[in-house]
N, C-alpha and C. Protein backbone atom coordinates (compact mmCIF):
# COMPACT_ATOMS: atom_id res chain seq x y z
N GLN A 1 -29.63 3.55 20.46
CA GLN A 1 -30.27 3.57 19.15
C GLN A 1 -29.98 2.26 18.43
N VAL A 2 -31.03 1.53 18.12
CA VAL A 2 -30.87 0.25 17.45
C VAL A 2 -30.48 0.47 15.99
N GLN A 3 -29.45 -0.23 15.57
CA GLN A 3 -29.01 -0.14 14.18
C GLN A 3 -28.57 -1.52 13.69
N LEU A 4 -28.97 -1.83 12.45
CA LEU A 4 -28.59 -3.09 11.81
C LEU A 4 -27.97 -2.74 10.47
N VAL A 5 -26.79 -3.30 10.22
CA VAL A 5 -26.10 -3.02 8.96
C VAL A 5 -25.74 -4.35 8.30
N GLU A 6 -26.38 -4.61 7.17
CA GLU A 6 -26.10 -5.84 6.42
C GLU A 6 -24.93 -5.63 5.46
N SER A 7 -24.24 -6.71 5.19
CA SER A 7 -23.17 -6.70 4.20
C SER A 7 -22.97 -8.11 3.67
N GLY A 8 -22.21 -8.23 2.61
CA GLY A 8 -21.88 -9.55 2.09
C GLY A 8 -22.60 -9.93 0.83
N GLY A 9 -23.55 -9.12 0.41
CA GLY A 9 -24.25 -9.44 -0.82
C GLY A 9 -23.36 -9.23 -2.03
N GLY A 10 -23.82 -9.69 -3.16
CA GLY A 10 -23.05 -9.54 -4.38
C GLY A 10 -23.52 -10.49 -5.46
N LEU A 11 -22.71 -10.62 -6.48
CA LEU A 11 -23.02 -11.49 -7.61
C LEU A 11 -22.37 -12.85 -7.39
N VAL A 12 -23.16 -13.90 -7.56
CA VAL A 12 -22.65 -15.26 -7.40
C VAL A 12 -23.27 -16.13 -8.48
N GLN A 13 -22.53 -17.11 -8.93
CA GLN A 13 -23.05 -18.03 -9.93
C GLN A 13 -23.99 -19.05 -9.29
N PRO A 14 -24.92 -19.57 -10.05
CA PRO A 14 -25.76 -20.66 -9.51
C PRO A 14 -24.89 -21.79 -8.97
N GLY A 15 -25.28 -22.27 -7.80
CA GLY A 15 -24.49 -23.31 -7.14
C GLY A 15 -23.45 -22.76 -6.19
N GLY A 16 -23.24 -21.46 -6.23
CA GLY A 16 -22.23 -20.85 -5.39
C GLY A 16 -22.71 -20.56 -3.98
N SER A 17 -21.83 -19.93 -3.22
CA SER A 17 -22.10 -19.63 -1.81
C SER A 17 -21.80 -18.18 -1.50
N LEU A 18 -22.51 -17.67 -0.50
CA LEU A 18 -22.28 -16.34 0.03
C LEU A 18 -22.57 -16.37 1.51
N ARG A 19 -21.91 -15.48 2.24
CA ARG A 19 -22.24 -15.30 3.64
C ARG A 19 -22.61 -13.85 3.87
N LEU A 20 -23.82 -13.65 4.34
CA LEU A 20 -24.29 -12.31 4.69
C LEU A 20 -24.03 -12.06 6.17
N SER A 21 -23.72 -10.82 6.47
CA SER A 21 -23.50 -10.42 7.86
C SER A 21 -24.48 -9.32 8.23
N CYS A 22 -24.86 -9.30 9.48
CA CYS A 22 -25.73 -8.26 10.02
C CYS A 22 -25.09 -7.78 11.32
N ALA A 23 -24.43 -6.65 11.24
CA ALA A 23 -23.78 -6.08 12.41
C ALA A 23 -24.79 -5.22 13.17
N ALA A 24 -24.95 -5.53 14.45
CA ALA A 24 -25.94 -4.84 15.27
C ALA A 24 -25.27 -3.89 16.24
N SER A 25 -25.94 -2.79 16.51
CA SER A 25 -25.48 -1.86 17.53
C SER A 25 -26.69 -1.30 18.26
N GLY A 26 -26.47 -0.87 19.49
CA GLY A 26 -27.55 -0.30 20.28
C GLY A 26 -28.37 -1.32 21.04
N PHE A 27 -28.05 -2.60 20.84
CA PHE A 27 -28.76 -3.65 21.56
C PHE A 27 -27.91 -4.92 21.47
N THR A 28 -28.32 -5.94 22.19
CA THR A 28 -27.59 -7.21 22.21
C THR A 28 -28.38 -8.25 21.43
N VAL A 29 -27.77 -8.81 20.40
CA VAL A 29 -28.50 -9.71 19.50
C VAL A 29 -29.01 -10.95 20.22
N SER A 30 -28.32 -11.35 21.27
CA SER A 30 -28.70 -12.62 21.92
C SER A 30 -30.02 -12.53 22.66
N ILE A 31 -30.53 -11.33 22.91
CA ILE A 31 -31.80 -11.22 23.63
C ILE A 31 -32.94 -10.79 22.71
N TYR A 32 -32.66 -10.74 21.43
CA TYR A 32 -33.67 -10.43 20.43
C TYR A 32 -33.89 -11.65 19.54
N VAL A 33 -35.07 -11.73 18.95
CA VAL A 33 -35.29 -12.68 17.87
C VAL A 33 -34.68 -12.07 16.61
N MET A 34 -33.73 -12.77 16.04
CA MET A 34 -33.04 -12.26 14.86
C MET A 34 -33.47 -13.06 13.64
N SER A 35 -33.74 -12.35 12.57
CA SER A 35 -34.25 -13.02 11.37
C SER A 35 -33.62 -12.42 10.12
N TRP A 36 -33.65 -13.24 9.07
CA TRP A 36 -33.33 -12.77 7.73
C TRP A 36 -34.59 -12.90 6.88
N TYR A 37 -34.88 -11.85 6.16
CA TYR A 37 -35.96 -11.83 5.19
C TYR A 37 -35.35 -11.53 3.82
N ARG A 38 -36.13 -11.77 2.80
CA ARG A 38 -35.71 -11.36 1.46
C ARG A 38 -36.90 -10.88 0.66
N GLN A 39 -36.60 -10.03 -0.29
CA GLN A 39 -37.65 -9.52 -1.17
C GLN A 39 -37.11 -9.46 -2.60
N ALA A 40 -37.73 -10.23 -3.46
CA ALA A 40 -37.38 -10.22 -4.87
C ALA A 40 -38.25 -9.19 -5.58
N PRO A 41 -37.80 -8.69 -6.73
CA PRO A 41 -38.58 -7.69 -7.46
C PRO A 41 -39.99 -8.18 -7.76
N GLY A 42 -40.98 -7.36 -7.42
CA GLY A 42 -42.36 -7.69 -7.70
C GLY A 42 -42.97 -8.70 -6.75
N LYS A 43 -42.22 -9.07 -5.73
CA LYS A 43 -42.75 -10.06 -4.78
C LYS A 43 -42.77 -9.49 -3.37
N GLU A 44 -43.55 -10.13 -2.52
CA GLU A 44 -43.62 -9.71 -1.13
C GLU A 44 -42.38 -10.16 -0.37
N ARG A 45 -42.09 -9.43 0.69
CA ARG A 45 -40.98 -9.82 1.55
C ARG A 45 -41.32 -11.14 2.23
N GLU A 46 -40.36 -12.05 2.25
CA GLU A 46 -40.61 -13.36 2.85
C GLU A 46 -39.56 -13.67 3.91
N LEU A 47 -39.98 -14.41 4.90
CA LEU A 47 -39.08 -14.83 5.96
C LEU A 47 -38.22 -15.98 5.46
N VAL A 48 -36.91 -15.86 5.67
CA VAL A 48 -35.97 -16.87 5.23
C VAL A 48 -35.50 -17.74 6.39
N ALA A 49 -35.08 -17.08 7.48
CA ALA A 49 -34.53 -17.82 8.62
C ALA A 49 -34.70 -17.00 9.88
N THR A 50 -34.89 -17.70 10.99
CA THR A 50 -35.07 -17.04 12.28
C THR A 50 -34.26 -17.75 13.35
N MET A 51 -33.71 -16.95 14.25
CA MET A 51 -33.03 -17.51 15.42
C MET A 51 -33.65 -16.90 16.67
N SER A 52 -34.07 -17.73 17.58
CA SER A 52 -34.71 -17.24 18.80
C SER A 52 -33.69 -16.58 19.71
N SER A 53 -34.19 -15.79 20.62
CA SER A 53 -33.31 -15.21 21.64
C SER A 53 -32.86 -16.31 22.59
N GLY A 54 -31.83 -16.00 23.36
CA GLY A 54 -31.35 -16.98 24.32
C GLY A 54 -30.68 -18.18 23.67
N ILE A 55 -31.32 -19.32 23.76
CA ILE A 55 -30.72 -20.57 23.31
C ILE A 55 -30.44 -20.59 21.81
N GLY A 56 -31.17 -19.79 21.05
CA GLY A 56 -30.88 -19.68 19.63
C GLY A 56 -31.45 -20.78 18.76
N ASN A 57 -32.66 -21.20 19.05
CA ASN A 57 -33.32 -22.16 18.16
C ASN A 57 -33.54 -21.52 16.79
N THR A 58 -33.42 -22.35 15.75
CA THR A 58 -33.52 -21.82 14.40
C THR A 58 -34.68 -22.43 13.63
N ASN A 59 -35.19 -21.66 12.70
CA ASN A 59 -36.22 -22.12 11.79
C ASN A 59 -35.95 -21.54 10.41
N TYR A 60 -36.33 -22.30 9.39
CA TYR A 60 -36.03 -21.90 8.02
C TYR A 60 -37.26 -22.03 7.13
N ALA A 61 -37.29 -21.19 6.12
CA ALA A 61 -38.29 -21.38 5.08
C ALA A 61 -38.01 -22.69 4.37
N LYS A 62 -39.06 -23.32 3.91
CA LYS A 62 -38.92 -24.62 3.24
C LYS A 62 -37.99 -24.52 2.04
N SER A 63 -38.04 -23.39 1.37
CA SER A 63 -37.28 -23.21 0.13
C SER A 63 -35.77 -23.13 0.36
N VAL A 64 -35.33 -22.86 1.59
CA VAL A 64 -33.90 -22.71 1.85
C VAL A 64 -33.37 -23.74 2.83
N LYS A 65 -34.24 -24.53 3.41
CA LYS A 65 -33.83 -25.49 4.43
C LYS A 65 -32.80 -26.46 3.85
N GLY A 66 -31.72 -26.65 4.57
CA GLY A 66 -30.66 -27.52 4.10
C GLY A 66 -29.59 -26.81 3.29
N ARG A 67 -29.89 -25.59 2.85
CA ARG A 67 -28.92 -24.82 2.06
C ARG A 67 -28.43 -23.58 2.81
N PHE A 68 -29.28 -22.98 3.63
CA PHE A 68 -28.94 -21.76 4.36
C PHE A 68 -28.82 -22.07 5.85
N THR A 69 -27.94 -21.32 6.50
CA THR A 69 -27.77 -21.46 7.95
C THR A 69 -27.67 -20.09 8.58
N ILE A 70 -28.51 -19.85 9.57
CA ILE A 70 -28.43 -18.61 10.35
C ILE A 70 -27.60 -18.90 11.60
N SER A 71 -26.74 -17.96 11.94
CA SER A 71 -25.91 -18.13 13.12
C SER A 71 -25.68 -16.78 13.77
N ARG A 72 -25.12 -16.84 14.96
CA ARG A 72 -24.98 -15.62 15.76
C ARG A 72 -23.63 -15.66 16.47
N ASP A 73 -22.92 -14.56 16.42
CA ASP A 73 -21.66 -14.40 17.17
C ASP A 73 -21.92 -13.35 18.23
N ASN A 74 -22.14 -13.79 19.45
CA ASN A 74 -22.48 -12.85 20.52
C ASN A 74 -21.33 -11.88 20.81
N ALA A 75 -20.11 -12.36 20.69
CA ALA A 75 -18.96 -11.49 20.97
C ALA A 75 -18.87 -10.35 19.98
N LYS A 76 -19.24 -10.63 18.73
CA LYS A 76 -19.20 -9.59 17.69
C LYS A 76 -20.54 -8.90 17.54
N ASN A 77 -21.55 -9.39 18.27
CA ASN A 77 -22.90 -8.83 18.17
C ASN A 77 -23.37 -8.80 16.71
N THR A 78 -23.15 -9.91 16.05
CA THR A 78 -23.41 -10.02 14.61
C THR A 78 -24.14 -11.32 14.31
N VAL A 79 -25.05 -11.23 13.37
CA VAL A 79 -25.79 -12.40 12.90
C VAL A 79 -25.39 -12.65 11.45
N TYR A 80 -25.33 -13.91 11.10
CA TYR A 80 -24.90 -14.30 9.76
C TYR A 80 -25.97 -15.14 9.06
N LEU A 81 -25.91 -15.12 7.75
CA LEU A 81 -26.69 -16.06 6.95
C LEU A 81 -25.73 -16.68 5.95
N GLN A 82 -25.38 -17.93 6.18
CA GLN A 82 -24.54 -18.66 5.25
C GLN A 82 -25.43 -19.31 4.21
N MET A 83 -25.15 -19.05 2.95
CA MET A 83 -25.99 -19.55 1.87
C MET A 83 -25.15 -20.41 0.93
N HIS A 84 -25.60 -21.62 0.72
CA HIS A 84 -24.94 -22.54 -0.20
C HIS A 84 -25.91 -22.95 -1.30
N SER A 85 -25.34 -23.51 -2.36
CA SER A 85 -26.14 -24.04 -3.47
C SER A 85 -27.16 -23.02 -3.95
N LEU A 86 -26.70 -21.81 -4.15
CA LEU A 86 -27.61 -20.73 -4.50
C LEU A 86 -28.25 -20.97 -5.86
N LYS A 87 -29.50 -20.57 -5.95
CA LYS A 87 -30.30 -20.74 -7.16
C LYS A 87 -30.74 -19.37 -7.66
N PRO A 88 -31.08 -19.26 -8.93
CA PRO A 88 -31.56 -17.96 -9.44
C PRO A 88 -32.75 -17.44 -8.64
N GLU A 89 -33.58 -18.33 -8.14
CA GLU A 89 -34.74 -17.88 -7.38
C GLU A 89 -34.39 -17.36 -5.98
N ASP A 90 -33.13 -17.49 -5.58
CA ASP A 90 -32.68 -16.89 -4.32
C ASP A 90 -32.31 -15.42 -4.49
N GLU A 91 -32.28 -14.97 -5.72
CA GLU A 91 -31.92 -13.58 -5.99
C GLU A 91 -32.94 -12.64 -5.37
N ALA A 92 -32.45 -11.71 -4.55
CA ALA A 92 -33.34 -10.81 -3.82
C ALA A 92 -32.49 -9.82 -3.02
N VAL A 93 -33.17 -8.84 -2.46
CA VAL A 93 -32.56 -8.02 -1.43
C VAL A 93 -32.82 -8.73 -0.10
N TYR A 94 -31.76 -8.95 0.65
CA TYR A 94 -31.86 -9.65 1.93
C TYR A 94 -31.78 -8.63 3.06
N TYR A 95 -32.72 -8.76 3.99
CA TYR A 95 -32.82 -7.84 5.11
C TYR A 95 -32.64 -8.59 6.43
N CYS A 96 -31.94 -7.94 7.32
CA CYS A 96 -31.81 -8.43 8.68
C CYS A 96 -32.88 -7.75 9.54
N SER A 97 -33.43 -8.51 10.46
CA SER A 97 -34.48 -7.99 11.33
C SER A 97 -34.21 -8.40 12.76
N ALA A 98 -34.51 -7.48 13.67
CA ALA A 98 -34.44 -7.77 15.10
C ALA A 98 -35.80 -7.48 15.71
N PHE A 99 -36.26 -8.39 16.55
CA PHE A 99 -37.58 -8.21 17.15
C PHE A 99 -37.51 -8.40 18.66
N ARG A 100 -38.03 -7.42 19.36
CA ARG A 100 -38.29 -7.54 20.79
C ARG A 100 -39.34 -6.50 21.12
N GLY A 101 -40.58 -6.89 20.95
CA GLY A 101 -41.67 -5.95 21.16
C GLY A 101 -42.01 -5.16 19.91
N ARG A 102 -41.02 -4.90 19.10
CA ARG A 102 -41.21 -4.26 17.80
C ARG A 102 -40.09 -4.69 16.88
N ASP A 103 -40.32 -4.46 15.60
CA ASP A 103 -39.33 -4.85 14.60
C ASP A 103 -38.36 -3.72 14.31
N TYR A 104 -37.13 -4.12 14.11
CA TYR A 104 -36.10 -3.21 13.60
C TYR A 104 -35.53 -3.83 12.34
N TRP A 105 -35.19 -2.98 11.37
CA TRP A 105 -34.74 -3.47 10.07
C TRP A 105 -33.44 -2.81 9.64
N GLY A 106 -32.65 -3.58 8.90
CA GLY A 106 -31.50 -3.01 8.25
C GLY A 106 -31.89 -2.46 6.89
N GLN A 107 -30.89 -1.99 6.15
CA GLN A 107 -31.16 -1.36 4.86
C GLN A 107 -31.20 -2.37 3.71
N GLY A 108 -30.73 -3.57 3.98
CA GLY A 108 -30.75 -4.63 2.97
C GLY A 108 -29.45 -4.74 2.19
N THR A 109 -29.21 -5.94 1.67
CA THR A 109 -28.05 -6.18 0.82
C THR A 109 -28.51 -7.06 -0.35
N LEU A 110 -28.07 -6.70 -1.54
CA LEU A 110 -28.57 -7.36 -2.75
C LEU A 110 -27.75 -8.60 -3.05
N VAL A 111 -28.45 -9.70 -3.28
CA VAL A 111 -27.83 -10.95 -3.73
C VAL A 111 -28.31 -11.23 -5.15
N THR A 112 -27.37 -11.33 -6.06
CA THR A 112 -27.68 -11.62 -7.45
C THR A 112 -27.10 -12.97 -7.81
N VAL A 113 -27.94 -13.86 -8.31
CA VAL A 113 -27.51 -15.20 -8.68
C VAL A 113 -27.66 -15.35 -10.19
N SER A 114 -26.52 -15.35 -10.85
CA SER A 114 -26.55 -15.37 -12.31
C SER A 114 -25.24 -15.88 -12.85
N SER A 115 -25.33 -16.55 -13.99
CA SER A 115 -24.12 -17.01 -14.65
C SER A 115 -23.67 -16.01 -15.71
């Protein structure tokens, strides 16, 4: 049974950093396309970062490139999203996604950026 559990969200001041974690079970993250999405209130869910299966090539939304980093720990079967220089517009619920033929989603973790 595929399961994704996000953690690490919380309140951070503008300019601060957070690291989100996505603990996976029921499958191996290294053979799935792993992604982080976010959804702000009243807005559509948007893709933030993606890591390919295998070699782990990464891609980022233009709005986060240079500030966010997606990474994968195969031993822990966990995917991370390191976020730096956070802005108020980064505030959203962040979701972890796994794709291999179909999408699997976590429950989301809320990131609040406010002074």
